Amino acid sequence: MQTDTFKSLEIRNSDELLPYLFKYDNQKDSYLNSPYYFLLTGRKGLKVVIDDNNSIIFSEHPNLDDETIIFPPSNKEEVSFLNSLLGSSSNLFKSKIRIIRCDKIHQDFIAKGISEKYKLNTVEEKLLDWKYPSVIISVENVVKMKGKSFKDLRYNVNKVDRNEVLFVEYQSDLHYKDSLKLISKWSNRNVSPLFNEFNLAAPYIFLLNQLANAKVLKGYVLYYKKSLVALNILDNVLNNQEELTSLAFLADIDFKGIPSFMRYQVCNFLKNKGVNTIHIGGSETFGLYKFKKKLVPLVQLDLNSITNN
């Protein structure tokens, strides 16, 4: 494939991104049909390179300055296009690359279609959120909480005094400052050698700023005993009007049962609005994955990253 005909474009908003997402319509991973997931992950500079009918979406890594993340090629032709780009003198990508959210099909395509000289390897993700499986839950099942499988969820939800609860849709003028306080508290608590406070807070602040103008995003906050203790921001899925992707979820663990209650409350609010399932994503830690398992997943997707590191 000739690579001198391709062009690279900056993606600044969801409207510019939409033409390049339809290729993912047949993918199991609904985050690949969630426009604001791309804008969030690519918040340091989202781009697309196109040639004929092929497109590759990529960005600077949100946490690492020396790495390019590449969203997975959707078919064999795009793998061939990516192979050509890796061998071009375009300098589109940094020396380190990471092809993200790859399921078994993507891995097979890439293994067969990318030259061995680029030394790509499938690895367990360490920094991004699919070290543990990406989880899709049933709104109806969570609301009903029936059976042994939901025992832990019922226990945690029942810890919360509902007389002290105020659950509302997010409004920037009313909830922005309180949301920032929750983000700051959570970020300070979770600083580690991998992530400083800025790295941790950045995606949540980005989404709060998007919420001010993006009508398709859905935001919900939970007040408990007059303090804002939980925040959830979700996006529409282009090829499935009955599913949402959860882009941000924060809950104050100082209040017992609040993380579970917030998941329950969001599902309860959405159950009569045509939403059947929510893709709540993967986990960086086993503890978070264990919490998501309490919601009794309908689907769990095993994803990996492919890198030349």
C-alpha atoms as a PDB file:
ATOM      1  CA  MET A   1       0.000   0.000   0.000  1.00  0.00           C
ATOM      2  CA  GLN A   2       1.260   3.452  -0.854  1.00  0.00           C
ATOM      3  CA  THR A   3       1.471   5.712   2.157  1.00  0.00           C
ATOM      4  CA  ASP A   4       2.128   8.985   0.358  1.00  0.00           C
ATOM      5  CA  THR A   5      -1.616   9.488  -0.201  1.00  0.00           C
ATOM      6  CA  PHE A   6      -2.709   9.447   3.429  1.00  0.00           C
ATOM      7  CA  LYS A   7      -3.639  12.540   5.391  1.00  0.00           C
ATOM      8  CA  SER A   8      -3.745  13.214   9.092  1.00  0.00           C
ATOM      9  CA  LEU A   9      -6.514  15.262  10.714  1.00  0.00           C
ATOM     10  CA  GLU A  10      -7.011  16.632  14.211  1.00  0.00           C
ATOM     11  CA  ILE A  11     -10.227  15.609  15.957  1.00  0.00           C
ATOM     12  CA  ARG A  12     -11.528  18.437  18.126  1.00  0.00           C
ATOM     13  CA  ASN A  13     -15.112  17.374  18.850  1.00  0.00           C
ATOM     14  CA  SER A  14     -17.553  14.494  18.535  1.00  0.00           C
ATOM     15  CA  ASP A  15     -18.966  15.684  15.194  1.00  0.00           C
ATOM     16  CA  GLU A  16     -15.528  15.444  13.581  1.00  0.00           C
ATOM     17  CA  LEU A  17     -15.053  11.984  15.075  1.00  0.00           C
ATOM     18  CA  LEU A  18     -18.350  10.355  14.083  1.00  0.00           C
ATOM     19  CA  PRO A  19     -17.488   9.463  10.454  1.00  0.00           C
ATOM     20  CA  TYR A  20     -14.602   7.309  11.694  1.00  0.00           C
ATOM     21  CA  LEU A  21     -16.514   5.328  14.318  1.00  0.00           C
ATOM     22  CA  PHE A  22     -19.021   3.526  12.119  1.00  0.00           C
ATOM     23  CA  LYS A  23     -16.327   0.981  11.260  1.00  0.00           C
ATOM     24  CA  TYR A  24     -16.674  -0.299  14.831  1.00  0.00           C
ATOM     25  CA  ASP A  25     -20.394  -1.088  14.529  1.00  0.00           C
ATOM     26  CA  ASN A  26     -19.824  -4.855  14.640  1.00  0.00           C
ATOM     27  CA  GLN A  27     -17.413  -4.786  17.588  1.00  0.00           C
ATOM     28  CA  LYS A  28     -18.381  -6.326  20.945  1.00  0.00           C
ATOM     29  CA  ASP A  29     -16.658  -3.530  22.868  1.00  0.00           C
ATOM     30  CA  SER A  30     -19.211  -0.697  22.980  1.00  0.00           C
ATOM     31  CA  TYR A  31     -16.586   1.821  24.151  1.00  0.00           C
ATOM     32  CA  LEU A  32     -15.420   1.732  20.520  1.00  0.00           C
ATOM     33  CA  ASN A  33     -18.808   3.230  19.614  1.00  0.00           C
ATOM     34  CA  SER A  34     -18.742   5.813  22.410  1.00  0.00           C
ATOM     35  CA  PRO A  35     -17.549   9.163  20.963  1.00  0.00           C
ATOM     36  CA  TYR A  36     -16.676  10.743  24.287  1.00  0.00           C
ATOM     37  CA  TYR A  37     -14.623   7.735  25.276  1.00  0.00           C
ATOM     38  CA  PHE A  38     -12.324   8.573  22.359  1.00  0.00           C
ATOM     39  CA  LEU A  39     -12.254  12.266  23.247  1.00  0.00           C
ATOM     40  CA  LEU A  40     -11.544  11.415  26.887  1.00  0.00           C
ATOM     41  CA  THR A  41      -8.769   8.938  26.142  1.00  0.00           C
ATOM     42  CA  GLY A  42      -7.347  11.229  23.469  1.00  0.00           C
ATOM     43  CA  ARG A  43      -7.647  14.419  25.484  1.00  0.00           C
ATOM     44  CA  LYS A  44      -3.950  15.237  24.901  1.00  0.00           C
ATOM     45  CA  GLY A  45      -4.541  15.377  21.147  1.00  0.00           C
ATOM     46  CA  LEU A  46      -6.839  13.034  19.202  1.00  0.00           C
ATOM     47  CA  LYS A  47      -6.067  12.494  15.500  1.00  0.00           C
ATOM     48  CA  VAL A  48      -7.079  10.283  12.608  1.00  0.00           C
ATOM     49  CA  VAL A  49      -4.992   9.244   9.618  1.00  0.00           C
ATOM     50  CA  ILE A  50      -6.986   8.259   6.532  1.00  0.00           C
ATOM     51  CA  ASP A  51      -6.256   6.652   3.170  1.00  0.00           C
ATOM     52  CA  ASP A  52      -9.010   5.568   0.770  1.00  0.00           C
ATOM     53  CA  ASN A  53     -11.525   3.661   2.922  1.00  0.00           C
ATOM     54  CA  ASN A  54      -9.188   3.082   5.854  1.00  0.00           C
ATOM     55  CA  SER A  55      -8.741   5.122   9.002  1.00  0.00           C
ATOM     56  CA  ILE A  56      -6.585   4.772  12.093  1.00  0.00           C
ATOM     57  CA  ILE A  57      -7.464   6.826  15.187  1.00  0.00           C
ATOM     58  CA  PHE A  58      -4.614   7.662  17.537  1.00  0.00           C
ATOM     59  CA  SER A  59      -3.495  10.017  20.276  1.00  0.00           C
ATOM     60  CA  GLU A  60      -0.735  10.839  22.676  1.00  0.00           C
ATOM     61  CA  HIS A  61      -0.933   8.519  25.666  1.00  0.00           C
ATOM     62  CA  PRO A  62      -2.992  10.295  28.377  1.00  0.00           C
ATOM     63  CA  ASN A  63      -0.444   9.409  31.081  1.00  0.00           C
ATOM     64  CA  LEU A  64       2.892   8.903  29.303  1.00  0.00           C
ATOM     65  CA  ASP A  65       4.716  11.599  27.353  1.00  0.00           C
ATOM     66  CA  ASP A  66       6.779   9.245  25.197  1.00  0.00           C
ATOM     67  CA  GLU A  67       4.065   6.968  23.822  1.00  0.00           C
ATOM     68  CA  THR A  68       1.339   6.988  21.156  1.00  0.00           C
ATOM     69  CA  ILE A  69      -1.879   5.067  21.713  1.00  0.00           C
ATOM     70  CA  ILE A  70      -3.618   3.607  18.677  1.00  0.00           C
ATOM     71  CA  PHE A  71      -7.239   2.504  18.714  1.00  0.00           C
ATOM     72  CA  PRO A  72      -7.587  -1.017  17.291  1.00  0.00           C
ATOM     73  CA  PRO A  73      -7.810  -1.531  13.517  1.00  0.00           C
ATOM     74  CA  SER A  74     -11.302  -2.819  12.743  1.00  0.00           C
ATOM     75  CA  ASN A  75     -10.436  -5.205   9.880  1.00  0.00           C
ATOM     76  CA  LYS A  76      -7.589  -6.749   7.885  1.00  0.00           C
ATOM     77  CA  GLU A  77      -7.389  -3.804   5.479  1.00  0.00           C
ATOM     78  CA  GLU A  78      -6.825  -1.376   8.345  1.00  0.00           C
ATOM     79  CA  VAL A  79      -4.178  -3.666   9.787  1.00  0.00           C
ATOM     80  CA  SER A  80      -2.407  -3.527   6.423  1.00  0.00           C
ATOM     81  CA  PHE A  81      -2.725   0.263   6.449  1.00  0.00           C
ATOM     82  CA  LEU A  82      -1.281   0.424   9.956  1.00  0.00           C
ATOM     83  CA  ASN A  83       1.590  -1.829   8.886  1.00  0.00           C
ATOM     84  CA  SER A  84       2.386   0.637   6.090  1.00  0.00           C
ATOM     85  CA  LEU A  85       2.212   3.596   8.462  1.00  0.00           C
ATOM     86  CA  LEU A  86       4.624   1.941  10.864  1.00  0.00           C
ATOM     87  CA  GLY A  87       7.086   1.622   8.015  1.00  0.00           C
ATOM     88  CA  SER A  88       6.643   5.145   6.660  1.00  0.00           C
ATOM     89  CA  SER A  89       8.805   8.178   7.335  1.00  0.00           C
ATOM     90  CA  SER A  90       5.787  10.246   8.385  1.00  0.00           C
ATOM     91  CA  ASN A  91       6.658  10.512  12.099  1.00  0.00           C
ATOM     92  CA  LEU A  92       2.967  10.223  12.909  1.00  0.00           C
ATOM     93  CA  PHE A  93       3.665   8.045  15.913  1.00  0.00           C
ATOM     94  CA  LYS A  94       6.220   8.258  18.671  1.00  0.00           C
ATOM     95  CA  SER A  95       8.841   5.525  18.902  1.00  0.00           C
ATOM     96  CA  LYS A  96       6.756   3.749  21.528  1.00  0.00           C
ATOM     97  CA  ILE A  97       3.264   2.693  20.478  1.00  0.00           C
ATOM     98  CA  ARG A  98       0.396   0.975  22.286  1.00  0.00           C
ATOM     99  CA  ILE A  99      -2.575  -0.482  20.382  1.00  0.00           C
ATOM    100  CA  ILE A 100      -5.354  -0.426  22.953  1.00  0.00           C
ATOM    101  CA  ARG A 101      -8.555  -2.344  23.818  1.00  0.00           C
ATOM    102  CA  CYS A 102      -7.617  -5.352  21.670  1.00  0.00           C
ATOM    103  CA  ASP A 103      -9.826  -8.427  21.909  1.00  0.00           C
ATOM    104  CA  LYS A 104      -8.837 -11.843  20.523  1.00  0.00           C
ATOM    105  CA  ILE A 105      -9.954 -10.936  16.973  1.00  0.00           C
ATOM    106  CA  HIS A 106      -7.865  -7.747  16.959  1.00  0.00           C
ATOM    107  CA  GLN A 107      -4.906  -9.662  18.334  1.00  0.00           C
ATOM    108  CA  ASP A 108      -5.180 -12.282  15.570  1.00  0.00           C
ATOM    109  CA  PHE A 109      -5.485  -9.624  12.836  1.00  0.00           C
ATOM    110  CA  ILE A 110      -2.433  -7.795  14.123  1.00  0.00           C
ATOM    111  CA  ALA A 111      -0.357 -10.937  14.635  1.00  0.00           C
ATOM    112  CA  LYS A 112      -0.963 -11.937  11.009  1.00  0.00           C
ATOM    113  CA  GLY A 113      -0.878  -8.486   9.398  1.00  0.00           C
ATOM    114  CA  ILE A 114       1.867  -6.501  11.151  1.00  0.00           C
ATOM    115  CA  SER A 115       5.466  -7.259  10.217  1.00  0.00           C
ATOM    116  CA  GLU A 116       7.563  -9.041  12.835  1.00  0.00           C
ATOM    117  CA  LYS A 117      10.232  -6.373  12.434  1.00  0.00           C
ATOM    118  CA  TYR A 118       8.087  -3.971  14.473  1.00  0.00           C
ATOM    119  CA  LYS A 119       8.342  -6.368  17.436  1.00  0.00           C
ATOM    120  CA  LEU A 120       4.777  -5.995  18.683  1.00  0.00           C
ATOM    121  CA  ASN A 121       3.762  -8.037  21.701  1.00  0.00           C
ATOM    122  CA  THR A 122       0.424  -8.599  23.434  1.00  0.00           C
ATOM    123  CA  VAL A 123       0.726  -7.475  27.044  1.00  0.00           C
ATOM    124  CA  GLU A 124      -1.411  -7.181  30.152  1.00  0.00           C
ATOM    125  CA  GLU A 125      -2.383  -3.538  30.560  1.00  0.00           C
ATOM    126  CA  LYS A 126      -0.824  -1.825  33.592  1.00  0.00           C
ATOM    127  CA  LEU A 127      -1.921   1.816  33.375  1.00  0.00           C
ATOM    128  CA  LEU A 128      -5.251   1.863  31.558  1.00  0.00           C
ATOM    129  CA  ASP A 129      -8.478   0.322  32.743  1.00  0.00           C
ATOM    130  CA  TRP A 130      -8.642  -3.185  31.277  1.00  0.00           C
ATOM    131  CA  LYS A 131      -6.132  -5.113  33.336  1.00  0.00           C
ATOM    132  CA  TYR A 132      -9.251  -6.920  34.531  1.00  0.00           C
ATOM    133  CA  PRO A 133     -12.245  -7.674  32.250  1.00  0.00           C
ATOM    134  CA  SER A 134     -14.478  -4.924  30.910  1.00  0.00           C
ATOM    135  CA  VAL A 135     -17.955  -5.430  32.366  1.00  0.00           C
ATOM    136  CA  ILE A 136     -21.479  -4.906  30.999  1.00  0.00           C
ATOM    137  CA  ILE A 137     -24.368  -4.970  33.491  1.00  0.00           C
ATOM    138  CA  SER A 138     -28.146  -5.301  33.224  1.00  0.00           C
ATOM    139  CA  VAL A 139     -30.081  -2.256  34.435  1.00  0.00           C
ATOM    140  CA  GLU A 140     -33.160  -4.346  35.268  1.00  0.00           C
ATOM    141  CA  ASN A 141     -31.226  -7.012  37.157  1.00  0.00           C
ATOM    142  CA  VAL A 142     -29.382  -4.448  39.276  1.00  0.00           C
ATOM    143  CA  VAL A 143     -32.629  -2.690  40.171  1.00  0.00           C
ATOM    144  CA  LYS A 144     -34.344  -5.955  41.148  1.00  0.00           C
ATOM    145  CA  MET A 145     -31.307  -7.308  43.074  1.00  0.00           C
ATOM    146  CA  LYS A 146     -32.864 -10.786  43.191  1.00  0.00           C
ATOM    147  CA  GLY A 147     -31.144 -14.010  44.095  1.00  0.00           C
ATOM    148  CA  LYS A 148     -27.925 -15.118  45.784  1.00  0.00           C
ATOM    149  CA  SER A 149     -25.740 -13.407  43.201  1.00  0.00           C
ATOM    150  CA  PHE A 150     -26.926  -9.991  44.392  1.00  0.00           C
ATOM    151  CA  LYS A 151     -26.525 -10.724  48.094  1.00  0.00           C
ATOM    152  CA  ASP A 152     -23.533  -8.387  48.529  1.00  0.00           C
ATOM    153  CA  LEU A 153     -25.168  -5.603  46.529  1.00  0.00           C
ATOM    154  CA  ARG A 154     -28.363  -5.782  48.602  1.00  0.00           C
ATOM    155  CA  TYR A 155     -26.338  -5.714  51.799  1.00  0.00           C
ATOM    156  CA  ASN A 156     -24.415  -2.592  50.747  1.00  0.00           C
ATOM    157  CA  VAL A 157     -27.454  -0.758  49.366  1.00  0.00           C
ATOM    158  CA  ASN A 158     -29.359  -1.385  52.584  1.00  0.00           C
ATOM    159  CA  LYS A 159     -26.596   0.266  54.611  1.00  0.00           C
ATOM    160  CA  VAL A 160     -27.631   3.642  53.180  1.00  0.00           C
ATOM    161  CA  ASP A 161     -30.283   5.732  54.951  1.00  0.00           C
ATOM    162  CA  ARG A 162     -32.536   6.708  52.038  1.00  0.00           C
ATOM    163  CA  ASN A 163     -33.967   9.594  54.034  1.00  0.00           C
ATOM    164  CA  GLU A 164     -30.542  11.255  53.758  1.00  0.00           C
ATOM    165  CA  VAL A 165     -30.222  10.745  49.967  1.00  0.00           C
ATOM    166  CA  LEU A 166     -30.616  13.300  47.203  1.00  0.00           C
ATOM    167  CA  PHE A 167     -29.999  11.895  43.698  1.00  0.00           C
ATOM    168  CA  VAL A 168     -30.221  14.377  40.809  1.00  0.00           C
ATOM    169  CA  GLU A 169     -29.071  14.956  37.261  1.00  0.00           C
ATOM    170  CA  TYR A 170     -25.840  16.931  37.107  1.00  0.00           C
ATOM    171  CA  GLN A 171     -26.063  20.678  36.481  1.00  0.00           C
ATOM    172  CA  SER A 172     -22.814  22.587  36.036  1.00  0.00           C
ATOM    173  CA  ASP A 173     -23.984  25.733  37.819  1.00  0.00           C
ATOM    174  CA  LEU A 174     -25.163  23.752  40.861  1.00  0.00           C
ATOM    175  CA  HIS A 175     -22.766  20.821  41.143  1.00  0.00           C
ATOM    176  CA  TYR A 176     -19.425  21.752  39.565  1.00  0.00           C
ATOM    177  CA  LYS A 177     -17.671  22.985  42.719  1.00  0.00           C
ATOM    178  CA  ASP A 178     -18.927  20.115  44.873  1.00  0.00           C
ATOM    179  CA  SER A 179     -17.843  17.640  42.177  1.00  0.00           C
ATOM    180  CA  LEU A 180     -14.361  19.154  42.142  1.00  0.00           C
ATOM    181  CA  LYS A 181     -14.136  18.622  45.905  1.00  0.00           C
ATOM    182  CA  LEU A 182     -15.012  14.951  45.500  1.00  0.00           C
ATOM    183  CA  ILE A 183     -12.460  14.568  42.685  1.00  0.00           C
ATOM    184  CA  SER A 184      -9.776  16.251  44.778  1.00  0.00           C
ATOM    185  CA  LYS A 185     -10.491  14.057  47.801  1.00  0.00           C
ATOM    186  CA  TRP A 186     -10.359  10.884  45.703  1.00  0.00           C
ATOM    187  CA  SER A 187      -7.218  11.972  43.823  1.00  0.00           C
ATOM    188  CA  ASN A 188      -5.326  12.816  47.020  1.00  0.00           C
ATOM    189  CA  ARG A 189      -6.219   9.448  48.479  1.00  0.00           C
ATOM    190  CA  ASN A 190      -5.090   7.447  45.430  1.00  0.00           C
ATOM    191  CA  VAL A 191      -1.714   9.021  44.630  1.00  0.00           C
ATOM    192  CA  SER A 192       0.830   6.321  43.775  1.00  0.00           C
ATOM    193  CA  PRO A 193       4.213   5.913  42.056  1.00  0.00           C
ATOM    194  CA  LEU A 194       2.285   5.527  38.784  1.00  0.00           C
ATOM    195  CA  PHE A 195      -0.174   8.418  39.157  1.00  0.00           C
ATOM    196  CA  ASN A 196       0.101  11.819  40.787  1.00  0.00           C
ATOM    197  CA  GLU A 197      -2.891  13.930  41.800  1.00  0.00           C
ATOM    198  CA  PHE A 198      -3.001  15.734  38.440  1.00  0.00           C
ATOM    199  CA  ASN A 199      -2.995  12.473  36.435  1.00  0.00           C
ATOM    200  CA  LEU A 200      -5.806  11.087  38.548  1.00  0.00           C
ATOM    201  CA  ALA A 201      -8.013  14.180  38.458  1.00  0.00           C
ATOM    202  CA  ALA A 202      -7.495  15.109  34.790  1.00  0.00           C
ATOM    203  CA  PRO A 203     -10.027  12.749  33.150  1.00  0.00           C
ATOM    204  CA  TYR A 204     -12.788  13.682  35.599  1.00  0.00           C
ATOM    205  CA  ILE A 205     -12.211  17.414  35.186  1.00  0.00           C
ATOM    206  CA  PHE A 206     -12.131  16.985  31.402  1.00  0.00           C
ATOM    207  CA  LEU A 207     -15.535  15.301  31.482  1.00  0.00           C
ATOM    208  CA  LEU A 208     -17.033  17.874  33.857  1.00  0.00           C
ATOM    209  CA  ASN A 209     -16.018  20.559  31.372  1.00  0.00           C
ATOM    210  CA  GLN A 210     -17.535  18.568  28.500  1.00  0.00           C
ATOM    211  CA  LEU A 211     -20.789  18.161  30.438  1.00  0.00           C
ATOM    212  CA  ALA A 212     -21.345  21.894  30.327  1.00  0.00           C
ATOM    213  CA  ASN A 213     -21.924  21.765  26.549  1.00  0.00           C
ATOM    214  CA  ALA A 214     -22.369  18.157  25.431  1.00  0.00           C
ATOM    215  CA  LYS A 215     -26.088  17.363  25.408  1.00  0.00           C
ATOM    216  CA  VAL A 216     -25.522  13.659  24.721  1.00  0.00           C
ATOM    217  CA  LEU A 217     -23.542  13.125  27.925  1.00  0.00           C
ATOM    218  CA  LYS A 218     -25.478  12.142  31.012  1.00  0.00           C
ATOM    219  CA  GLY A 219     -24.299  13.148  34.460  1.00  0.00           C
ATOM    220  CA  TYR A 220     -25.686  12.199  37.878  1.00  0.00           C
ATOM    221  CA  VAL A 221     -24.701  13.181  41.398  1.00  0.00           C
ATOM    222  CA  LEU A 222     -25.626  11.779  44.772  1.00  0.00           C
ATOM    223  CA  TYR A 223     -25.762  13.843  47.951  1.00  0.00           C
ATOM    224  CA  TYR A 224     -25.741  12.055  51.287  1.00  0.00           C
ATOM    225  CA  LYS A 225     -26.228  13.939  54.516  1.00  0.00           C
ATOM    226  CA  LYS A 226     -25.894  17.121  52.439  1.00  0.00           C
ATOM    227  CA  SER A 227     -22.445  16.216  51.027  1.00  0.00           C
ATOM    228  CA  LEU A 228     -21.845  15.305  47.389  1.00  0.00           C
ATOM    229  CA  VAL A 229     -20.548  11.736  47.696  1.00  0.00           C
ATOM    230  CA  ALA A 230     -20.868  10.219  44.210  1.00  0.00           C
ATOM    231  CA  LEU A 231     -20.627  11.219  40.559  1.00  0.00           C
ATOM    232  CA  ASN A 232     -21.349   9.234  37.376  1.00  0.00           C
ATOM    233  CA  ILE A 233     -20.932  10.439  33.777  1.00  0.00           C
ATOM    234  CA  LEU A 234     -22.156   8.300  30.880  1.00  0.00           C
ATOM    235  CA  ASP A 235     -22.154   8.467  27.081  1.00  0.00           C
ATOM    236  CA  ASN A 236     -24.452   7.147  24.356  1.00  0.00           C
ATOM    237  CA  VAL A 237     -23.407   4.171  22.246  1.00  0.00           C
ATOM    238  CA  LEU A 238     -23.794   4.904  18.528  1.00  0.00           C
ATOM    239  CA  ASN A 239     -24.852   1.429  17.405  1.00  0.00           C
ATOM    240  CA  ASN A 240     -26.955   0.506  20.442  1.00  0.00           C
ATOM    241  CA  GLN A 241     -29.508   2.986  21.771  1.00  0.00           C
ATOM    242  CA  GLU A 242     -30.281   0.673  24.687  1.00  0.00           C
ATOM    243  CA  GLU A 243     -26.740   0.802  26.129  1.00  0.00           C
ATOM    244  CA  LEU A 244     -24.645   3.503  27.768  1.00  0.00           C
ATOM    245  CA  THR A 245     -20.934   3.588  28.538  1.00  0.00           C
ATOM    246  CA  SER A 246     -19.843   4.754  31.963  1.00  0.00           C
ATOM    247  CA  LEU A 247     -16.961   7.184  31.456  1.00  0.00           C
ATOM    248  CA  ALA A 248     -16.479   8.359  35.024  1.00  0.00           C
ATOM    249  CA  PHE A 249     -17.621   6.953  38.338  1.00  0.00           C
ATOM    250  CA  LEU A 250     -16.506   8.271  41.708  1.00  0.00           C
ATOM    251  CA  ALA A 251     -17.920   7.493  45.137  1.00  0.00           C
ATOM    252  CA  ASP A 252     -16.734   8.510  48.590  1.00  0.00           C
ATOM    253  CA  ILE A 253     -15.810   5.309  50.426  1.00  0.00           C
ATOM    254  CA  ASP A 254     -15.969   7.118  53.762  1.00  0.00           C
ATOM    255  CA  PHE A 255     -19.734   6.645  53.515  1.00  0.00           C
ATOM    256  CA  LYS A 256     -20.591   2.946  53.833  1.00  0.00           C
ATOM    257  CA  GLY A 257     -22.581   1.483  50.956  1.00  0.00           C
ATOM    258  CA  ILE A 258     -22.448   4.621  48.802  1.00  0.00           C
ATOM    259  CA  PRO A 259     -20.525   3.114  45.823  1.00  0.00           C
ATOM    260  CA  SER A 260     -23.080   0.298  45.517  1.00  0.00           C
ATOM    261  CA  PHE A 261     -26.013   2.614  46.181  1.00  0.00           C
ATOM    262  CA  MET A 262     -24.885   4.993  43.418  1.00  0.00           C
ATOM    263  CA  ARG A 263     -24.680   2.176  40.862  1.00  0.00           C
ATOM    264  CA  TYR A 264     -28.117   0.997  41.975  1.00  0.00           C
ATOM    265  CA  GLN A 265     -29.585   4.510  41.881  1.00  0.00           C
ATOM    266  CA  VAL A 266     -28.273   5.242  38.363  1.00  0.00           C
ATOM    267  CA  CYS A 267     -29.799   1.986  37.104  1.00  0.00           C
ATOM    268  CA  ASN A 268     -33.078   2.768  38.878  1.00  0.00           C
ATOM    269  CA  PHE A 269     -33.206   6.199  37.222  1.00  0.00           C
ATOM    270  CA  LEU A 270     -32.445   4.812  33.741  1.00  0.00           C
ATOM    271  CA  LYS A 271     -34.692   1.735  33.812  1.00  0.00           C
ATOM    272  CA  ASN A 272     -37.694   3.545  32.260  1.00  0.00           C
ATOM    273  CA  LYS A 273     -35.667   5.586  29.785  1.00  0.00           C
ATOM    274  CA  GLY A 274     -34.963   2.846  27.257  1.00  0.00           C
ATOM    275  CA  VAL A 275     -31.594   1.874  28.715  1.00  0.00           C
ATOM    276  CA  ASN A 276     -31.177  -1.883  29.212  1.00  0.00           C
ATOM    277  CA  THR A 277     -27.445  -2.232  29.766  1.00  0.00           C
ATOM    278  CA  ILE A 278     -24.480  -0.157  30.954  1.00  0.00           C
ATOM    279  CA  HIS A 279     -20.888  -0.896  30.018  1.00  0.00           C
ATOM    280  CA  ILE A 280     -19.089   0.043  33.233  1.00  0.00           C
ATOM    281  CA  GLY A 281     -15.627  -0.744  31.896  1.00  0.00           C
ATOM    282  CA  GLY A 282     -12.661  -2.676  33.182  1.00  0.00           C
ATOM    283  CA  SER A 283     -10.541  -2.292  36.281  1.00  0.00           C
ATOM    284  CA  GLU A 284      -6.962  -1.425  37.117  1.00  0.00           C
ATOM    285  CA  THR A 285      -7.111  -3.311  40.426  1.00  0.00           C
ATOM    286  CA  PHE A 286      -8.584  -6.580  41.638  1.00  0.00           C
ATOM    287  CA  GLY A 287     -10.478  -4.723  44.371  1.00  0.00           C
ATOM    288  CA  LEU A 288     -12.352  -2.630  41.815  1.00  0.00           C
ATOM    289  CA  TYR A 289     -13.044  -5.688  39.661  1.00  0.00           C
ATOM    290  CA  LYS A 290     -14.403  -7.497  42.732  1.00  0.00           C
ATOM    291  CA  PHE A 291     -16.750  -4.550  43.380  1.00  0.00           C
ATOM    292  CA  LYS A 292     -18.010  -4.613  39.772  1.00  0.00           C
ATOM    293  CA  LYS A 293     -18.618  -8.360  40.030  1.00  0.00           C
ATOM    294  CA  LYS A 294     -21.176  -7.622  42.770  1.00  0.00           C
ATOM    295  CA  LEU A 295     -23.312  -6.130  39.988  1.00  0.00           C
ATOM    296  CA  VAL A 296     -23.458  -9.604  38.335  1.00  0.00           C
ATOM    297  CA  PRO A 297     -22.134  -8.841  34.828  1.00  0.00           C
ATOM    298  CA  LEU A 298     -24.045  -9.966  31.750  1.00  0.00           C
ATOM    299  CA  VAL A 299     -20.853  -9.796  29.681  1.00  0.00           C
ATOM    300  CA  GLN A 300     -17.155  -9.667  30.512  1.00  0.00           C
ATOM    301  CA  LEU A 301     -14.692  -8.746  27.767  1.00  0.00           C
ATOM    302  CA  ASP A 302     -11.047  -9.788  28.025  1.00  0.00           C
ATOM    303  CA  LEU A 303      -8.930  -7.045  26.474  1.00  0.00           C
ATOM    304  CA  ASN A 304      -5.208  -6.528  26.085  1.00  0.00           C
ATOM    305  CA  SER A 305      -2.778  -3.949  24.767  1.00  0.00           C
ATOM    306  CA  ILE A 306      -0.250  -4.552  22.008  1.00  0.00           C
ATOM    307  CA  THR A 307       3.031  -2.651  22.286  1.00  0.00           C
ATOM    308  CA  ASN A 308       6.571  -2.455  20.969  1.00  0.00           C
ATOM    309  CA  ASN A 309       7.949  -1.681  24.447  1.00  0.00           C
END
